[in-house]
Protein backbone atom coordinates (compact mmCIF):
# COMPACT_ATOMS: atom_id res chain seq x y z
CA MET A 1 99.80 101.75 72.63
CA LYS A 2 100.04 100.59 76.21
CA THR A 3 97.12 102.88 77.28
CA LEU A 4 94.92 101.72 74.41
CA MET A 5 95.82 98.16 75.28
CA ILE A 6 94.57 98.56 79.03
CA VAL A 7 91.45 100.55 77.80
CA ALA A 8 90.51 97.91 75.47
CA TRP A 9 90.82 95.20 78.05
CA LEU A 10 89.12 96.81 80.95
CA SER A 11 86.23 98.26 78.64
CA GLY A 12 85.41 94.70 77.64
CA VAL A 13 85.47 93.40 81.25
CA GLY A 14 83.60 96.48 82.44
CA ALA A 15 80.91 95.93 79.77
CA ASP A 16 80.68 92.40 80.60
CA ALA A 17 80.18 93.08 84.12
CA GLY A 18 77.58 95.86 83.72
CA SER A 19 75.60 93.66 81.21
CA THR A 20 75.58 90.67 83.63
CA ALA A 21 74.19 92.78 86.27
CA VAL A 22 71.41 93.97 83.87
CA ALA A 23 70.70 90.52 82.77
CA LEU A 24 70.46 89.15 86.21
CA HIS A 25 68.25 91.96 87.30
CA ARG A 26 65.91 91.03 84.39
CA GLY A 27 65.67 87.37 85.73
CA GLY A 28 68.34 85.96 83.57
CA ARG A 29 70.69 83.28 84.73
CA GLU A 30 74.61 83.42 84.80
CA ALA A 31 75.99 80.35 82.99
CA VAL A 32 79.58 80.60 84.35
CA LEU A 33 79.91 82.53 87.51
CA SER A 34 77.62 83.07 90.42
CA GLN A 35 73.89 84.08 90.41
CA SER A 36 74.87 86.83 92.95
CA MET A 37 76.09 90.12 91.29
CA PRO A 38 78.36 91.09 94.32
CA VAL A 39 80.21 87.85 93.88
CA ASN A 40 80.25 88.23 90.02
CA GLY A 41 81.56 91.82 90.48
CA ALA A 42 84.27 90.77 92.69
CA LEU A 43 85.36 87.82 90.43
CA LEU A 44 85.22 90.20 87.37
CA ALA A 45 87.12 92.84 89.06
CA GLY A 46 89.81 90.27 89.94
CA GLU A 47 89.94 89.15 86.43
CA GLY A 48 90.28 92.67 85.19
CA ILE A 49 93.20 93.48 87.74
CA GLY A 50 94.96 90.12 86.88
CA GLY A 51 94.43 90.43 83.22
CA THR A 52 95.87 93.94 83.34
CA TYR A 53 98.91 92.85 85.28
CA GLY A 54 99.51 89.97 82.84
CA LEU A 55 99.12 92.11 79.85
CA LEU A 56 101.51 94.71 81.29
CA ARG A 57 104.06 91.99 81.87
CA LEU A 58 103.73 90.55 78.45
CA TYR A 59 104.09 94.09 76.93
CA ARG A 60 107.56 94.38 78.30
CA SER A 61 108.88 91.59 76.10
CA HIS A 62 106.21 91.26 73.39
CA PRO A 63 104.27 94.50 72.99
CA LYS A 64 102.58 93.71 69.76
CA LEU A 65 101.35 90.36 71.09
CA ALA A 66 100.06 92.05 74.26
CA VAL A 67 98.15 94.76 72.40
CA GLY A 68 96.75 92.18 70.00
CA MET A 69 95.52 89.83 72.77
CA ALA A 70 93.99 92.92 74.73
CA MET A 71 92.22 94.03 71.61
CA VAL A 72 90.71 90.49 70.71
CA ALA A 73 89.79 89.89 74.37
CA GLY A 74 88.23 93.31 74.85
CA VAL A 75 86.15 92.77 71.62
CA GLY A 76 85.27 89.38 72.70
CA ARG A 77 84.05 90.58 76.07
CA SER A 78 82.22 93.41 74.45
CA LEU A 79 80.21 90.72 72.36
CA ILE A 80 79.43 88.74 75.41
CA ALA A 81 78.03 92.07 76.88
CA VAL A 82 75.93 92.41 73.63
CA HIS A 83 74.49 89.00 74.28
CA ASN A 84 73.82 89.78 77.98
CA PHE A 85 71.96 92.92 77.09
CA ARG A 86 69.51 90.89 74.98
CA VAL A 87 68.65 88.39 77.78
CA GLU A 88 65.14 88.45 78.92
CA GLY A 89 63.91 87.09 82.21
CA ARG A 90 61.81 84.05 82.75
């Protein structure tokens, strides 16, 4: 379960990062982070690492909660990625 938890979380973050890069390349604008993909990449990498650390810590005492949170967050980030892939430039 721990591996599935991490895969779900990091897949969502990775999909968000990749789709953000595509949207910015198409001329879209980032609503939350920077307009620079290198900056966004660094921020999203930090979020992925920090989130993984937090989930692993939570997993020690509340494994079901940690897995559930990772699944919900991973799906949420994947939905953001779907939105980003639909973004057209100006």
